[in-house]
C-alpha atoms as a PDB file:
ATOM      1  CA  UNK A   1      24.131 -21.832  49.201  1.00  0.00           C
ATOM      2  CA  UNK A   2      20.350 -21.500  49.576  1.00  0.00           C
ATOM      3  CA  UNK A   3      20.603 -17.702  49.270  1.00  0.00           C
ATOM      4  CA  UNK A   4      22.654 -17.937  46.072  1.00  0.00           C
ATOM      5  CA  UNK A   5      20.194 -20.395  44.529  1.00  0.00           C
ATOM      6  CA  UNK A   6      17.289 -18.133  45.435  1.00  0.00           C
ATOM      7  CA  UNK A   7      19.010 -15.142  43.825  1.00  0.00           C
ATOM      8  CA  UNK A   8      19.758 -17.213  40.733  1.00  0.00           C
ATOM      9  CA  UNK A   9      16.100 -18.261  40.522  1.00  0.00           C
ATOM     10  CA  UNK A  10      14.901 -14.653  40.788  1.00  0.00           C
ATOM     11  CA  UNK A  11      17.318 -13.458  38.094  1.00  0.00           C
ATOM     12  CA  UNK A  12      16.319 -16.225  35.675  1.00  0.00           C
ATOM     13  CA  UNK A  13      12.619 -15.614  36.324  1.00  0.00           C
ATOM     14  CA  UNK A  14      12.927 -11.865  35.638  1.00  0.00           C
ATOM     15  CA  UNK A  15      14.898 -12.592  32.466  1.00  0.00           C
ATOM     16  CA  UNK A  16      12.232 -14.985  31.158  1.00  0.00           C
ATOM     17  CA  UNK A  17       9.464 -12.490  31.909  1.00  0.00           C
ATOM     18  CA  UNK A  18      11.371  -9.798  30.015  1.00  0.00           C
ATOM     19  CA  UNK A  19      11.702 -12.108  27.006  1.00  0.00           C
ATOM     20  CA  UNK A  20       7.971 -12.758  27.005  1.00  0.00           C
ATOM     21  CA  UNK A  21       7.148  -9.035  27.003  1.00  0.00           C
ATOM     22  CA  UNK A  22       9.771  -7.653  24.640  1.00  0.00           C
ATOM     23  CA  UNK A  23      10.596  -9.451  21.359  1.00  0.00           C
ATOM     24  CA  UNK A  24      14.149 -10.703  21.325  1.00  0.00           C
ATOM     25  CA  UNK A  25      16.564  -9.940  18.535  1.00  0.00           C
ATOM     26  CA  UNK A  26      16.065 -13.485  17.327  1.00  0.00           C
ATOM     27  CA  UNK A  27      12.272 -13.154  17.078  1.00  0.00           C
ATOM     28  CA  UNK A  28      12.594  -9.772  15.384  1.00  0.00           C
ATOM     29  CA  UNK A  29      14.691 -11.321  12.625  1.00  0.00           C
ATOM     30  CA  UNK A  30      12.871 -14.646  12.301  1.00  0.00           C
ATOM     31  CA  UNK A  31      11.125 -15.380   9.017  1.00  0.00           C
ATOM     32  CA  UNK A  32       7.668 -13.805   8.732  1.00  0.00           C
ATOM     33  CA  UNK A  33       5.115 -16.305   7.447  1.00  0.00           C
ATOM     34  CA  UNK A  34       3.016 -15.398   4.419  1.00  0.00           C
ATOM     35  CA  UNK A  35       0.052 -16.803   6.370  1.00  0.00           C
ATOM     36  CA  UNK A  36       0.547 -14.447   9.333  1.00  0.00           C
ATOM     37  CA  UNK A  37       2.281 -11.353   7.954  1.00  0.00           C
ATOM     38  CA  UNK A  38       1.131  -8.941  10.659  1.00  0.00           C
ATOM     39  CA  UNK A  39       1.545  -8.575  14.404  1.00  0.00           C
ATOM     40  CA  UNK A  40       5.124  -9.831  14.283  1.00  0.00           C
ATOM     41  CA  UNK A  41       6.913  -7.085  16.243  1.00  0.00           C
ATOM     42  CA  UNK A  42       5.972  -4.170  18.493  1.00  0.00           C
ATOM     43  CA  UNK A  43       7.932  -1.508  16.622  1.00  0.00           C
ATOM     44  CA  UNK A  44       9.739  -1.020  13.331  1.00  0.00           C
ATOM     45  CA  UNK A  45      11.129   1.722  11.110  1.00  0.00           C
ATOM     46  CA  UNK A  46       9.448   1.736   7.724  1.00  0.00           C
ATOM     47  CA  UNK A  47      11.561   2.929   4.811  1.00  0.00           C
ATOM     48  CA  UNK A  48       9.608   1.236   2.015  1.00  0.00           C
ATOM     49  CA  UNK A  49       5.949   1.865   1.195  1.00  0.00           C
ATOM     50  CA  UNK A  50       4.064  -0.190  -1.391  1.00  0.00           C
ATOM     51  CA  UNK A  51       0.604   0.500  -2.782  1.00  0.00           C
ATOM     52  CA  UNK A  52      -1.490  -1.992  -4.739  1.00  0.00           C
ATOM     53  CA  UNK A  53      -4.287  -0.228  -6.585  1.00  0.00           C
ATOM     54  CA  UNK A  54      -7.491  -2.117  -7.357  1.00  0.00           C
ATOM     55  CA  UNK A  55     -10.492  -0.840  -9.275  1.00  0.00           C
ATOM     56  CA  UNK A  56     -14.120   0.161  -8.855  1.00  0.00           C
ATOM     57  CA  UNK A  57     -15.575  -2.649  -6.705  1.00  0.00           C
ATOM     58  CA  UNK A  58     -15.007  -0.776  -3.497  1.00  0.00           C
ATOM     59  CA  UNK A  59     -16.410  -1.906  -0.158  1.00  0.00           C
ATOM     60  CA  UNK A  60     -18.506  -4.693  -1.670  1.00  0.00           C
ATOM     61  CA  UNK A  61     -15.490  -7.003  -1.542  1.00  0.00           C
ATOM     62  CA  UNK A  62     -15.510  -7.002   2.273  1.00  0.00           C
ATOM     63  CA  UNK A  63     -17.130 -10.282   3.261  1.00  0.00           C
ATOM     64  CA  UNK A  64     -17.641 -11.295  -0.371  1.00  0.00           C
ATOM     65  CA  UNK A  65     -17.295 -15.029  -1.133  1.00  0.00           C
ATOM     66  CA  UNK A  66     -15.680 -13.963  -4.412  1.00  0.00           C
ATOM     67  CA  UNK A  67     -12.742 -12.442  -2.515  1.00  0.00           C
ATOM     68  CA  UNK A  68     -11.612 -15.077   0.017  1.00  0.00           C
ATOM     69  CA  UNK A  69      -7.965 -14.039  -0.044  1.00  0.00           C
ATOM     70  CA  UNK A  70      -8.734 -10.325   0.369  1.00  0.00           C
ATOM     71  CA  UNK A  71     -10.834 -11.151   3.398  1.00  0.00           C
ATOM     72  CA  UNK A  72      -8.198 -13.515   4.754  1.00  0.00           C
ATOM     73  CA  UNK A  73      -5.728 -10.627   4.620  1.00  0.00           C
ATOM     74  CA  UNK A  74      -8.314  -8.464   6.369  1.00  0.00           C
ATOM     75  CA  UNK A  75      -8.489 -10.999   9.213  1.00  0.00           C
ATOM     76  CA  UNK A  76      -4.726 -11.505   9.396  1.00  0.00           C
ATOM     77  CA  UNK A  77      -3.856  -7.802   9.222  1.00  0.00           C
ATOM     78  CA  UNK A  78      -5.919  -4.592   9.373  1.00  0.00           C
ATOM     79  CA  UNK A  79      -8.834  -2.961   7.580  1.00  0.00           C
ATOM     80  CA  UNK A  80      -9.850   0.698   7.364  1.00  0.00           C
ATOM     81  CA  UNK A  81     -13.647   0.475   7.593  1.00  0.00           C
ATOM     82  CA  UNK A  82     -14.396   4.155   6.969  1.00  0.00           C
ATOM     83  CA  UNK A  83     -12.195   5.154   4.027  1.00  0.00           C
ATOM     84  CA  UNK A  84     -13.342   7.130   0.990  1.00  0.00           C
ATOM     85  CA  UNK A  85     -12.226   7.900  -2.528  1.00  0.00           C
ATOM     86  CA  UNK A  86     -12.180  11.500  -3.730  1.00  0.00           C
ATOM     87  CA  UNK A  87     -14.106  11.554  -6.973  1.00  0.00           C
ATOM     88  CA  UNK A  88     -15.219   9.741 -10.130  1.00  0.00           C
ATOM     89  CA  UNK A  89     -14.036   8.400 -12.537  1.00  0.00           C
ATOM     90  CA  UNK A  90     -10.626   6.744 -12.039  1.00  0.00           C
ATOM     91  CA  UNK A  91      -8.081   9.355 -13.101  1.00  0.00           C
ATOM     92  CA  UNK A  92      -9.002  12.140 -10.643  1.00  0.00           C
ATOM     93  CA  UNK A  93      -8.499   9.646  -7.806  1.00  0.00           C
ATOM     94  CA  UNK A  94      -5.068   8.534  -9.002  1.00  0.00           C
ATOM     95  CA  UNK A  95      -3.975  12.140  -9.421  1.00  0.00           C
ATOM     96  CA  UNK A  96      -5.362  13.083  -5.992  1.00  0.00           C
ATOM     97  CA  UNK A  97      -3.609  10.110  -4.412  1.00  0.00           C
ATOM     98  CA  UNK A  98      -0.247  11.192  -5.787  1.00  0.00           C
ATOM     99  CA  UNK A  99      -0.423  15.010  -5.815  1.00  0.00           C
ATOM    100  CA  UNK A 100      -2.918  15.947  -3.111  1.00  0.00           C
ATOM    101  CA  UNK A 101      -5.549  17.254  -5.549  1.00  0.00           C
ATOM    102  CA  UNK A 102      -7.511  16.037  -8.611  1.00  0.00           C
ATOM    103  CA  UNK A 103      -5.960  19.067 -10.368  1.00  0.00           C
ATOM    104  CA  UNK A 104      -9.318  19.926 -11.944  1.00  0.00           C
ATOM    105  CA  UNK A 105      -9.567  16.609 -13.822  1.00  0.00           C
ATOM    106  CA  UNK A 106     -13.058  15.167 -14.183  1.00  0.00           C
ATOM    107  CA  UNK A 107     -12.523  12.506 -16.849  1.00  0.00           C
ATOM    108  CA  UNK A 108     -10.243   9.617 -17.817  1.00  0.00           C
ATOM    109  CA  UNK A 109      -8.317  11.423 -20.552  1.00  0.00           C
ATOM    110  CA  UNK A 110      -4.917  10.244 -21.723  1.00  0.00           C
ATOM    111  CA  UNK A 111      -1.728  11.997 -20.546  1.00  0.00           C
ATOM    112  CA  UNK A 112      -1.570  14.124 -23.709  1.00  0.00           C
ATOM    113  CA  UNK A 113      -4.880  15.730 -22.696  1.00  0.00           C
ATOM    114  CA  UNK A 114      -3.869  16.312 -19.067  1.00  0.00           C
ATOM    115  CA  UNK A 115      -0.193  17.294 -18.800  1.00  0.00           C
ATOM    116  CA  UNK A 116       0.397  18.060 -15.120  1.00  0.00           C
ATOM    117  CA  UNK A 117       3.185  20.510 -14.247  1.00  0.00           C
ATOM    118  CA  UNK A 118       2.627  20.139 -10.494  1.00  0.00           C
ATOM    119  CA  UNK A 119       4.503  18.536  -7.603  1.00  0.00           C
ATOM    120  CA  UNK A 120       3.743  14.899  -6.863  1.00  0.00           C
ATOM    121  CA  UNK A 121       5.044  12.210  -4.574  1.00  0.00           C
ATOM    122  CA  UNK A 122       7.160  11.098  -7.537  1.00  0.00           C
ATOM    123  CA  UNK A 123       8.876  14.465  -7.888  1.00  0.00           C
ATOM    124  CA  UNK A 124       9.307  14.634  -4.115  1.00  0.00           C
ATOM    125  CA  UNK A 125      11.243  11.373  -4.083  1.00  0.00           C
ATOM    126  CA  UNK A 126      13.508  12.091  -7.036  1.00  0.00           C
ATOM    127  CA  UNK A 127      14.654   8.670  -8.240  1.00  0.00           C
ATOM    128  CA  UNK A 128      13.555   6.840  -5.089  1.00  0.00           C
ATOM    129  CA  UNK A 129      10.223   5.622  -6.489  1.00  0.00           C
ATOM    130  CA  UNK A 130       9.028   2.944  -8.854  1.00  0.00           C
ATOM    131  CA  UNK A 131       5.803   2.033 -10.622  1.00  0.00           C
ATOM    132  CA  UNK A 132       5.306  -1.590 -11.602  1.00  0.00           C
ATOM    133  CA  UNK A 133       2.560  -1.552 -14.239  1.00  0.00           C
ATOM    134  CA  UNK A 134       1.270  -4.919 -15.368  1.00  0.00           C
ATOM    135  CA  UNK A 135       0.859  -5.386 -19.146  1.00  0.00           C
ATOM    136  CA  UNK A 136       2.384  -1.967 -19.920  1.00  0.00           C
ATOM    137  CA  UNK A 137       4.107  -2.362 -23.330  1.00  0.00           C
ATOM    138  CA  UNK A 138       7.068  -0.082 -22.580  1.00  0.00           C
ATOM    139  CA  UNK A 139       8.466   2.069 -19.783  1.00  0.00           C
ATOM    140  CA  UNK A 140       6.491   5.236 -18.965  1.00  0.00           C
ATOM    141  CA  UNK A 141       3.916   4.433 -21.632  1.00  0.00           C
ATOM    142  CA  UNK A 142       1.322   7.193 -21.944  1.00  0.00           C
ATOM    143  CA  UNK A 143      -0.974   5.370 -24.364  1.00  0.00           C
ATOM    144  CA  UNK A 144      -3.693   2.944 -23.283  1.00  0.00           C
ATOM    145  CA  UNK A 145      -3.478  -0.389 -25.107  1.00  0.00           C
ATOM    146  CA  UNK A 146      -4.629  -3.948 -24.544  1.00  0.00           C
ATOM    147  CA  UNK A 147      -4.978  -4.631 -20.836  1.00  0.00           C
ATOM    148  CA  UNK A 148      -2.899  -1.587 -19.888  1.00  0.00           C
ATOM    149  CA  UNK A 149      -4.713   1.620 -18.878  1.00  0.00           C
ATOM    150  CA  UNK A 150      -2.590   4.762 -18.755  1.00  0.00           C
ATOM    151  CA  UNK A 151      -5.218   6.404 -16.521  1.00  0.00           C
ATOM    152  CA  UNK A 152      -4.274   3.921 -13.771  1.00  0.00           C
ATOM    153  CA  UNK A 153      -0.606   4.902 -13.982  1.00  0.00           C
ATOM    154  CA  UNK A 154      -0.461   8.484 -12.671  1.00  0.00           C
ATOM    155  CA  UNK A 155       3.299   8.985 -13.046  1.00  0.00           C
ATOM    156  CA  UNK A 156       2.937   9.265 -16.836  1.00  0.00           C
ATOM    157  CA  UNK A 157       0.834  12.444 -16.403  1.00  0.00           C
ATOM    158  CA  UNK A 158       3.437  14.540 -14.568  1.00  0.00           C
ATOM    159  CA  UNK A 159       5.563  16.541 -16.984  1.00  0.00           C
ATOM    160  CA  UNK A 160       8.341  17.351 -14.534  1.00  0.00           C
ATOM    161  CA  UNK A 161       9.475  13.747 -14.040  1.00  0.00           C
ATOM    162  CA  UNK A 162       9.821  12.536 -17.647  1.00  0.00           C
ATOM    163  CA  UNK A 163      13.478  11.533 -17.281  1.00  0.00           C
ATOM    164  CA  UNK A 164      12.944   9.521 -14.103  1.00  0.00           C
ATOM    165  CA  UNK A 165       9.652   8.166 -15.448  1.00  0.00           C
ATOM    166  CA  UNK A 166      11.443   6.427 -18.297  1.00  0.00           C
ATOM    167  CA  UNK A 167      13.682   4.740 -15.742  1.00  0.00           C
ATOM    168  CA  UNK A 168      11.336   4.158 -12.806  1.00  0.00           C
ATOM    169  CA  UNK A 169       7.903   3.603 -14.371  1.00  0.00           C
ATOM    170  CA  UNK A 170       8.366   0.104 -15.756  1.00  0.00           C
ATOM    171  CA  UNK A 171       6.416  -2.981 -16.802  1.00  0.00           C
ATOM    172  CA  UNK A 172       5.723  -5.345 -13.936  1.00  0.00           C
ATOM    173  CA  UNK A 173       8.062  -8.328 -13.994  1.00  0.00           C
ATOM    174  CA  UNK A 174       9.154 -11.026 -11.595  1.00  0.00           C
ATOM    175  CA  UNK A 175      10.865 -11.132  -9.182  1.00  0.00           C
ATOM    176  CA  UNK A 176       9.326  -7.894  -7.956  1.00  0.00           C
ATOM    177  CA  UNK A 177      11.813  -5.084  -7.423  1.00  0.00           C
ATOM    178  CA  UNK A 178      10.734  -3.442  -4.162  1.00  0.00           C
ATOM    179  CA  UNK A 179      13.996  -1.648  -3.421  1.00  0.00           C
ATOM    180  CA  UNK A 180      12.577   1.868  -3.988  1.00  0.00           C
ATOM    181  CA  UNK A 181      11.308   3.936  -1.078  1.00  0.00           C
ATOM    182  CA  UNK A 182       7.871   4.053  -2.727  1.00  0.00           C
ATOM    183  CA  UNK A 183       6.499   1.431  -5.093  1.00  0.00           C
ATOM    184  CA  UNK A 184       3.116   1.662  -6.781  1.00  0.00           C
ATOM    185  CA  UNK A 185       1.877  -1.648  -8.190  1.00  0.00           C
ATOM    186  CA  UNK A 186      -0.701  -1.267 -10.951  1.00  0.00           C
ATOM    187  CA  UNK A 187      -2.410  -4.507 -12.041  1.00  0.00           C
ATOM    188  CA  UNK A 188      -3.835  -4.650 -15.552  1.00  0.00           C
ATOM    189  CA  UNK A 189      -7.545  -3.975 -16.102  1.00  0.00           C
ATOM    190  CA  UNK A 190      -8.401  -7.626 -15.641  1.00  0.00           C
ATOM    191  CA  UNK A 191      -6.373  -8.326 -12.522  1.00  0.00           C
ATOM    192  CA  UNK A 192      -7.443  -5.076 -10.810  1.00  0.00           C
ATOM    193  CA  UNK A 193     -11.137  -6.180 -10.945  1.00  0.00           C
ATOM    194  CA  UNK A 194     -12.036  -3.392 -13.402  1.00  0.00           C
ATOM    195  CA  UNK A 195     -12.923  -5.552 -16.401  1.00  0.00           C
ATOM    196  CA  UNK A 196     -12.857  -9.067 -14.943  1.00  0.00           C
ATOM    197  CA  UNK A 197     -14.510 -10.790 -12.008  1.00  0.00           C
ATOM    198  CA  UNK A 198     -13.653  -9.988  -8.411  1.00  0.00           C
ATOM    199  CA  UNK A 199     -12.432 -13.574  -8.098  1.00  0.00           C
ATOM    200  CA  UNK A 200      -9.850 -12.918 -10.830  1.00  0.00           C
ATOM    201  CA  UNK A 201      -8.395  -9.966  -8.947  1.00  0.00           C
ATOM    202  CA  UNK A 202      -8.503 -11.902  -5.700  1.00  0.00           C
ATOM    203  CA  UNK A 203      -6.535 -14.766  -7.272  1.00  0.00           C
ATOM    204  CA  UNK A 204      -3.981 -12.218  -8.537  1.00  0.00           C
ATOM    205  CA  UNK A 205      -3.588 -10.837  -5.012  1.00  0.00           C
ATOM    206  CA  UNK A 206      -3.036 -14.361  -3.712  1.00  0.00           C
ATOM    207  CA  UNK A 207      -0.146 -14.747  -6.146  1.00  0.00           C
ATOM    208  CA  UNK A 208       1.442 -11.332  -5.617  1.00  0.00           C
ATOM    209  CA  UNK A 209       1.059 -10.454  -1.914  1.00  0.00           C
ATOM    210  CA  UNK A 210       3.046 -13.483  -0.677  1.00  0.00           C
ATOM    211  CA  UNK A 211       5.899 -12.381  -2.956  1.00  0.00           C
ATOM    212  CA  UNK A 212       5.884  -9.007  -1.205  1.00  0.00           C
ATOM    213  CA  UNK A 213       5.822 -10.616   2.249  1.00  0.00           C
ATOM    214  CA  UNK A 214       8.730 -12.865   1.248  1.00  0.00           C
ATOM    215  CA  UNK A 215      10.763  -9.894   0.005  1.00  0.00           C
ATOM    216  CA  UNK A 216      13.898  -8.863   1.847  1.00  0.00           C
ATOM    217  CA  UNK A 217      12.302  -5.490   2.592  1.00  0.00           C
ATOM    218  CA  UNK A 218       9.272  -6.968   4.341  1.00  0.00           C
ATOM    219  CA  UNK A 219      11.303  -9.628   6.088  1.00  0.00           C
ATOM    220  CA  UNK A 220      13.608  -6.925   7.474  1.00  0.00           C
ATOM    221  CA  UNK A 221      10.533  -5.184   8.959  1.00  0.00           C
ATOM    222  CA  UNK A 222      11.038  -2.089   6.810  1.00  0.00           C
ATOM    223  CA  UNK A 223       8.104  -2.344   4.357  1.00  0.00           C
ATOM    224  CA  UNK A 224       4.420  -1.534   4.775  1.00  0.00           C
ATOM    225  CA  UNK A 225       1.869  -2.562   2.138  1.00  0.00           C
ATOM    226  CA  UNK A 226      -1.432  -0.787   1.462  1.00  0.00           C
ATOM    227  CA  UNK A 227      -4.097  -2.358  -0.755  1.00  0.00           C
ATOM    228  CA  UNK A 228      -6.926  -0.054  -1.764  1.00  0.00           C
ATOM    229  CA  UNK A 229      -9.404   0.792  -4.524  1.00  0.00           C
ATOM    230  CA  UNK A 230      -9.425   3.905  -6.670  1.00  0.00           C
ATOM    231  CA  UNK A 231     -13.184   4.394  -6.310  1.00  0.00           C
ATOM    232  CA  UNK A 232     -16.479   2.685  -5.547  1.00  0.00           C
ATOM    233  CA  UNK A 233     -18.815   2.540  -8.527  1.00  0.00           C
ATOM    234  CA  UNK A 234     -21.461   0.707  -6.496  1.00  0.00           C
ATOM    235  CA  UNK A 235     -22.065   3.157  -3.618  1.00  0.00           C
ATOM    236  CA  UNK A 236     -22.874   6.862  -3.758  1.00  0.00           C
ATOM    237  CA  UNK A 237     -20.659   7.414  -0.725  1.00  0.00           C
ATOM    238  CA  UNK A 238     -17.562   6.277  -2.672  1.00  0.00           C
ATOM    239  CA  UNK A 239     -16.491   4.174   0.320  1.00  0.00           C
ATOM    240  CA  UNK A 240     -13.524   1.892  -0.287  1.00  0.00           C
ATOM    241  CA  UNK A 241     -11.785  -0.745   1.827  1.00  0.00           C
ATOM    242  CA  UNK A 242      -8.100  -0.283   2.524  1.00  0.00           C
ATOM    243  CA  UNK A 243      -5.945  -3.074   3.886  1.00  0.00           C
ATOM    244  CA  UNK A 244      -2.837  -2.267   5.916  1.00  0.00           C
ATOM    245  CA  UNK A 245      -0.244  -5.034   5.975  1.00  0.00           C
ATOM    246  CA  UNK A 246       2.822  -4.462   8.128  1.00  0.00           C
ATOM    247  CA  UNK A 247       4.817  -6.380  10.744  1.00  0.00           C
ATOM    248  CA  UNK A 248       3.739  -3.975  13.511  1.00  0.00           C
ATOM    249  CA  UNK A 249       0.043  -3.868  12.606  1.00  0.00           C
ATOM    250  CA  UNK A 250      -2.059  -5.989  14.997  1.00  0.00           C
ATOM    251  CA  UNK A 251      -3.856  -8.938  13.463  1.00  0.00           C
ATOM    252  CA  UNK A 252      -7.569  -8.523  12.857  1.00  0.00           C
ATOM    253  CA  UNK A 253      -7.548  -4.787  13.562  1.00  0.00           C
ATOM    254  CA  UNK A 254     -10.508  -2.697  12.398  1.00  0.00           C
ATOM    255  CA  UNK A 255     -10.127   1.093  12.348  1.00  0.00           C
ATOM    256  CA  UNK A 256     -13.329   3.134  12.046  1.00  0.00           C
ATOM    257  CA  UNK A 257     -11.646   6.561  11.918  1.00  0.00           C
ATOM    258  CA  UNK A 258     -12.628   8.446   8.771  1.00  0.00           C
ATOM    259  CA  UNK A 259      -9.914   8.428   6.105  1.00  0.00           C
ATOM    260  CA  UNK A 260      -9.734   9.299   2.432  1.00  0.00           C
ATOM    261  CA  UNK A 261      -7.184   9.014  -0.364  1.00  0.00           C
ATOM    262  CA  UNK A 262      -5.351  12.034   1.006  1.00  0.00           C
ATOM    263  CA  UNK A 263      -4.834  10.055   4.220  1.00  0.00           C
ATOM    264  CA  UNK A 264      -2.912   7.418   2.295  1.00  0.00           C
ATOM    265  CA  UNK A 265      -0.794  10.107   0.652  1.00  0.00           C
ATOM    266  CA  UNK A 266      -0.177  11.802   4.020  1.00  0.00           C
ATOM    267  CA  UNK A 267       0.794   8.518   5.643  1.00  0.00           C
ATOM    268  CA  UNK A 268       3.200   7.640   2.843  1.00  0.00           C
ATOM    269  CA  UNK A 269       4.803  11.084   2.853  1.00  0.00           C
ATOM    270  CA  UNK A 270       5.152  10.991   6.642  1.00  0.00           C
ATOM    271  CA  UNK A 271       6.797   7.562   6.634  1.00  0.00           C
ATOM    272  CA  UNK A 272       9.198   8.649   3.888  1.00  0.00           C
ATOM    273  CA  UNK A 273       9.875  12.053   5.476  1.00  0.00           C
ATOM    274  CA  UNK A 274       8.780  14.340   2.644  1.00  0.00           C
ATOM    275  CA  UNK A 275       6.587  17.455   2.675  1.00  0.00           C
ATOM    276  CA  UNK A 276       2.825  16.992   2.733  1.00  0.00           C
ATOM    277  CA  UNK A 277       1.082  17.920  -0.514  1.00  0.00           C
ATOM    278  CA  UNK A 278      -2.334  19.528  -0.938  1.00  0.00           C
ATOM    279  CA  UNK A 279      -5.137  17.631   0.767  1.00  0.00           C
ATOM    280  CA  UNK A 280      -2.635  15.484   2.649  1.00  0.00           C
ATOM    281  CA  UNK A 281      -1.898  18.472   4.895  1.00  0.00           C
ATOM    282  CA  UNK A 282      -5.294  18.265   6.593  1.00  0.00           C
ATOM    283  CA  UNK A 283      -6.135  14.570   6.119  1.00  0.00           C
ATOM    284  CA  UNK A 284      -6.113  12.102   8.990  1.00  0.00           C
ATOM    285  CA  UNK A 285      -2.897  10.121   9.261  1.00  0.00           C
ATOM    286  CA  UNK A 286      -2.963   6.313   9.323  1.00  0.00           C
ATOM    287  CA  UNK A 287       0.407   6.007  11.077  1.00  0.00           C
ATOM    288  CA  UNK A 288      -0.699   5.839  14.716  1.00  0.00           C
ATOM    289  CA  UNK A 289      -4.081   4.112  14.219  1.00  0.00           C
ATOM    290  CA  UNK A 290      -2.423   1.199  12.396  1.00  0.00           C
ATOM    291  CA  UNK A 291       0.658   1.057  14.656  1.00  0.00           C
ATOM    292  CA  UNK A 292       3.088   2.137  11.945  1.00  0.00           C
END
């Protein structure tokens, strides 16, 4: 009797230790809190990638009292502390981010001045992408108006995706549709910090990011969110902060490895299993450093 009880005790003890080391099925499917969106599980398979593109302020938002929510996310998730944009002004960065090269663009011209017949992450994914552009008057709109800037919506520049653009490049509405493999969220020129205060953009993030964390894709541990800036108008180095928000990313992580916009493209293409384009071929990947 004593021997059986001892064996039973050993088995139960080993079982409890195993539960403490490896997340159970129950913990892996429990609701992820919007207050602690990262560090939830040790491993996951990401099939949805979301970018939120902010504007111009760059690394000055890190530690800024005007961006409390951005910095809260930085503490709760992960921050790339050595990440760089490619060029100035905005458009070359958006084109580089999505095609692997600025394609010779050095200005913010409208799509009719820069028709791009080149591969992009949009053409790579066929119909498995979506742009959600805030304040855009109509789908795939190539004309800047009001608070909508076409130069911040790179899909409208690529001539080879016009049919899918009219279907997949749409005005941002709620609830957010995050079902595509790749979703690019483009705030308007006020909410992206371009033409309004940093605090305005930070308040917008505080409204939108929890909606992403609450989504079925994030809750199923299949979505990773990147928040970055197109460029840094305040530093000659063009250094930008990039937040990585994912269930497997450790809380409070800081990664000092040097990245650039091509790194974000490479990481997205790798997670979605498509060919690397242009500068993404030689850029540092963010997959391993951020536990993706």
